[in-house]
Amino acid sequence: MRKSIGIGIMLAAVLLLAACKEQIDVSARYVFTDRTIADYLSAHEQYSEYMKMVDVMHVSPVSNTTFRQLFSEDIW
């Protein structure tokens, strides 16, 4: 009984370790170099009131993250 439990644990460990290997395709990486949503909205006067609101609105009651941070690179 103990031997079969030991073999089961070893088999599970081998399977878990083998399953953790991941091959990431590095040829598809992308670096964002254009304007963010916040950049676009800030550049247009007609969105100024909206941007004021976005500056103070939090994503959730338990987060200090504002919507402006989500629209820009500030959070990263």
N, C-alpha and C. Protein backbone atom coordinates (compact mmCIF):
# COMPACT_ATOMS: atom_id res chain seq x y z
N MET A 1 0.82 -1.20 0.00
CA MET A 1 0.00 0.00 0.00
C MET A 1 0.87 1.27 0.00
N ARG A 2 1.87 1.30 0.89
CA ARG A 2 2.75 2.47 0.98
C ARG A 2 3.55 2.63 -0.31
N LYS A 3 3.94 1.49 -0.90
CA LYS A 3 4.74 1.54 -2.12
C LYS A 3 3.92 2.14 -3.26
N SER A 4 2.65 1.78 -3.37
CA SER A 4 1.81 2.31 -4.46
C SER A 4 1.52 3.80 -4.25
N ILE A 5 1.41 4.24 -3.01
CA ILE A 5 1.21 5.67 -2.72
C ILE A 5 2.47 6.44 -3.10
N GLY A 6 3.63 5.89 -2.76
CA GLY A 6 4.89 6.52 -3.11
C GLY A 6 5.08 6.62 -4.62
N ILE A 7 4.74 5.57 -5.32
CA ILE A 7 4.85 5.58 -6.78
C ILE A 7 3.86 6.58 -7.36
N GLY A 8 2.68 6.66 -6.80
CA GLY A 8 1.67 7.63 -7.26
C GLY A 8 2.15 9.07 -7.07
N ILE A 9 2.75 9.34 -5.93
CA ILE A 9 3.27 10.69 -5.66
C ILE A 9 4.41 11.01 -6.61
N MET A 10 5.30 10.09 -6.83
CA MET A 10 6.40 10.32 -7.75
C MET A 10 5.90 10.53 -9.18
N LEU A 11 4.92 9.75 -9.59
CA LEU A 11 4.35 9.90 -10.93
C LEU A 11 3.68 11.26 -11.08
N ALA A 12 2.94 11.69 -10.05
CA ALA A 12 2.29 12.99 -10.08
C ALA A 12 3.33 14.12 -10.16
N ALA A 13 4.42 13.99 -9.40
CA ALA A 13 5.47 15.01 -9.42
C ALA A 13 6.13 15.09 -10.79
N VAL A 14 6.38 13.95 -11.41
CA VAL A 14 6.99 13.94 -12.74
C VAL A 14 6.05 14.58 -13.75
N LEU A 15 4.77 14.26 -13.68
CA LEU A 15 3.79 14.84 -14.60
C LEU A 15 3.67 16.35 -14.41
N LEU A 16 3.67 16.79 -13.17
CA LEU A 16 3.58 18.23 -12.90
C LEU A 16 4.80 18.98 -13.42
N LEU A 17 5.97 18.42 -13.21
CA LEU A 17 7.19 19.06 -13.67
C LEU A 17 7.27 19.07 -15.20
N ALA A 18 6.82 18.01 -15.82
CA ALA A 18 6.85 17.94 -17.28
C ALA A 18 5.82 18.89 -17.88
N ALA A 19 4.72 19.11 -17.20
CA ALA A 19 3.65 19.97 -17.71
C ALA A 19 4.01 21.44 -17.59
N CYS A 20 5.01 21.80 -16.80
CA CYS A 20 5.35 23.20 -16.59
C CYS A 20 6.21 23.79 -17.69
N LYS A 21 6.69 22.99 -18.59
CA LYS A 21 7.53 23.49 -19.67
C LYS A 21 6.66 24.17 -20.71
N GLU A 22 7.07 25.35 -21.10
CA GLU A 22 6.29 26.13 -22.06
C GLU A 22 7.23 26.74 -23.09
N GLN A 23 6.92 26.57 -24.34
CA GLN A 23 7.71 27.16 -25.42
C GLN A 23 6.99 28.42 -25.88
N ILE A 24 7.59 29.58 -25.64
CA ILE A 24 6.99 30.85 -26.01
C ILE A 24 7.57 31.30 -27.34
N ASP A 25 6.69 31.63 -28.28
CA ASP A 25 7.12 32.11 -29.59
C ASP A 25 7.53 33.57 -29.46
N VAL A 26 8.84 33.82 -29.45
CA VAL A 26 9.34 35.19 -29.27
C VAL A 26 9.27 36.01 -30.55
N SER A 27 8.99 35.40 -31.67
CA SER A 27 8.91 36.15 -32.92
C SER A 27 7.65 37.00 -32.99
N ALA A 28 6.66 36.72 -32.15
CA ALA A 28 5.40 37.45 -32.20
C ALA A 28 5.31 38.55 -31.14
N ARG A 29 6.42 38.91 -30.53
CA ARG A 29 6.39 39.97 -29.51
C ARG A 29 6.18 41.32 -30.16
N TYR A 30 5.53 42.22 -29.40
CA TYR A 30 5.19 43.53 -29.94
C TYR A 30 5.40 44.58 -28.86
N VAL A 31 6.01 45.68 -29.21
CA VAL A 31 6.19 46.80 -28.29
C VAL A 31 5.34 47.96 -28.80
N PHE A 32 4.44 48.43 -27.95
CA PHE A 32 3.54 49.51 -28.33
C PHE A 32 4.30 50.83 -28.37
N THR A 33 4.26 51.52 -29.52
CA THR A 33 4.99 52.77 -29.67
C THR A 33 4.09 53.93 -30.08
N ASP A 34 2.81 53.68 -30.24
CA ASP A 34 1.89 54.71 -30.69
C ASP A 34 1.24 55.40 -29.49
N ARG A 35 0.22 56.19 -29.74
CA ARG A 35 -0.47 56.90 -28.66
C ARG A 35 -1.43 55.98 -27.92
N THR A 36 -1.59 56.24 -26.63
CA THR A 36 -2.58 55.51 -25.83
C THR A 36 -3.92 56.21 -25.96
N ILE A 37 -4.96 55.60 -25.40
CA ILE A 37 -6.29 56.21 -25.39
C ILE A 37 -6.24 57.54 -24.66
N ALA A 38 -5.54 57.57 -23.53
CA ALA A 38 -5.42 58.81 -22.75
C ALA A 38 -4.73 59.91 -23.55
N ASP A 39 -3.70 59.56 -24.30
CA ASP A 39 -3.02 60.55 -25.14
C ASP A 39 -3.98 61.14 -26.17
N TYR A 40 -4.74 60.28 -26.81
CA TYR A 40 -5.67 60.74 -27.84
C TYR A 40 -6.74 61.66 -27.25
N LEU A 41 -7.34 61.23 -26.14
CA LEU A 41 -8.41 62.03 -25.53
C LEU A 41 -7.89 63.35 -24.99
N SER A 42 -6.70 63.35 -24.44
CA SER A 42 -6.11 64.58 -23.90
C SER A 42 -5.77 65.58 -25.01
N ALA A 43 -5.50 65.08 -26.19
CA ALA A 43 -5.12 65.95 -27.31
C ALA A 43 -6.31 66.64 -27.95
N HIS A 44 -7.53 66.23 -27.61
CA HIS A 44 -8.74 66.79 -28.21
C HIS A 44 -9.58 67.49 -27.13
N GLU A 45 -9.77 68.78 -27.30
CA GLU A 45 -10.47 69.61 -26.32
C GLU A 45 -11.88 69.10 -26.02
N GLN A 46 -12.56 68.54 -27.00
CA GLN A 46 -13.94 68.11 -26.78
C GLN A 46 -14.05 66.97 -25.76
N TYR A 47 -12.93 66.33 -25.41
CA TYR A 47 -12.94 65.25 -24.42
C TYR A 47 -12.41 65.69 -23.06
N SER A 48 -12.20 66.98 -22.84
CA SER A 48 -11.58 67.45 -21.60
C SER A 48 -12.43 67.13 -20.37
N GLU A 49 -13.73 67.30 -20.46
CA GLU A 49 -14.61 66.98 -19.31
C GLU A 49 -14.57 65.47 -19.01
N TYR A 50 -14.57 64.70 -20.04
CA TYR A 50 -14.49 63.25 -19.88
C TYR A 50 -13.18 62.86 -19.18
N MET A 51 -12.07 63.49 -19.59
CA MET A 51 -10.79 63.17 -18.98
C MET A 51 -10.73 63.60 -17.52
N LYS A 52 -11.39 64.70 -17.17
CA LYS A 52 -11.45 65.10 -15.76
C LYS A 52 -12.15 64.03 -14.94
N MET A 53 -13.23 63.49 -15.49
CA MET A 53 -13.98 62.45 -14.80
C MET A 53 -13.15 61.17 -14.68
N VAL A 54 -12.45 60.81 -15.72
CA VAL A 54 -11.63 59.61 -15.74
C VAL A 54 -10.48 59.71 -14.74
N ASP A 55 -9.99 60.92 -14.49
CA ASP A 55 -8.90 61.13 -13.54
C ASP A 55 -9.29 60.78 -12.11
N VAL A 56 -10.55 60.94 -11.76
CA VAL A 56 -10.96 60.73 -10.37
C VAL A 56 -11.73 59.44 -10.13
N MET A 57 -12.21 58.81 -11.18
CA MET A 57 -12.98 57.57 -11.03
C MET A 57 -12.06 56.38 -10.80
N HIS A 58 -12.35 55.61 -9.76
CA HIS A 58 -11.57 54.41 -9.47
C HIS A 58 -12.23 53.20 -10.12
N VAL A 59 -11.42 52.24 -10.47
CA VAL A 59 -11.90 51.04 -11.16
C VAL A 59 -12.84 50.25 -10.27
N SER A 60 -12.51 50.17 -8.98
CA SER A 60 -13.37 49.46 -8.03
C SER A 60 -13.18 50.08 -6.65
N PRO A 61 -14.09 49.80 -5.74
CA PRO A 61 -13.96 50.35 -4.38
C PRO A 61 -12.71 49.87 -3.63
N VAL A 62 -12.16 48.74 -4.02
CA VAL A 62 -11.00 48.21 -3.31
C VAL A 62 -9.68 48.52 -4.02
N SER A 63 -9.72 49.32 -5.08
CA SER A 63 -8.52 49.61 -5.86
C SER A 63 -8.24 51.11 -5.89
N ASN A 64 -6.98 51.47 -5.89
CA ASN A 64 -6.59 52.86 -6.06
C ASN A 64 -6.34 53.20 -7.52
N THR A 65 -6.50 52.23 -8.39
CA THR A 65 -6.28 52.43 -9.82
C THR A 65 -7.42 53.25 -10.42
N THR A 66 -7.06 54.30 -11.15
CA THR A 66 -8.08 55.11 -11.82
C THR A 66 -8.24 54.64 -13.27
N PHE A 67 -9.33 55.06 -13.87
CA PHE A 67 -9.55 54.70 -15.27
C PHE A 67 -8.49 55.34 -16.17
N ARG A 68 -8.01 56.50 -15.80
CA ARG A 68 -6.96 57.13 -16.61
C ARG A 68 -5.72 56.25 -16.65
N GLN A 69 -5.39 55.62 -15.54
CA GLN A 69 -4.24 54.73 -15.53
C GLN A 69 -4.45 53.55 -16.48
N LEU A 70 -5.68 53.07 -16.58
CA LEU A 70 -5.94 51.99 -17.50
C LEU A 70 -5.83 52.44 -18.95
N PHE A 71 -6.15 53.70 -19.20
CA PHE A 71 -6.11 54.25 -20.57
C PHE A 71 -4.71 54.69 -20.97
N SER A 72 -3.78 54.67 -20.06
CA SER A 72 -2.44 55.17 -20.36
C SER A 72 -1.40 54.13 -19.93
N GLU A 73 -0.17 54.51 -20.03
CA GLU A 73 0.93 53.62 -19.65
C GLU A 73 1.32 53.79 -18.19
N ASP A 74 0.64 54.64 -17.44
CA ASP A 74 1.02 54.95 -16.07
C ASP A 74 1.01 53.73 -15.15
N ILE A 75 0.13 52.81 -15.40
CA ILE A 75 -0.01 51.66 -14.51
C ILE A 75 1.09 50.63 -14.72
N TRP A 76 1.65 50.58 -15.88
CA TRP A 76 2.66 49.57 -16.19
C TRP A 76 4.01 50.06 -15.78
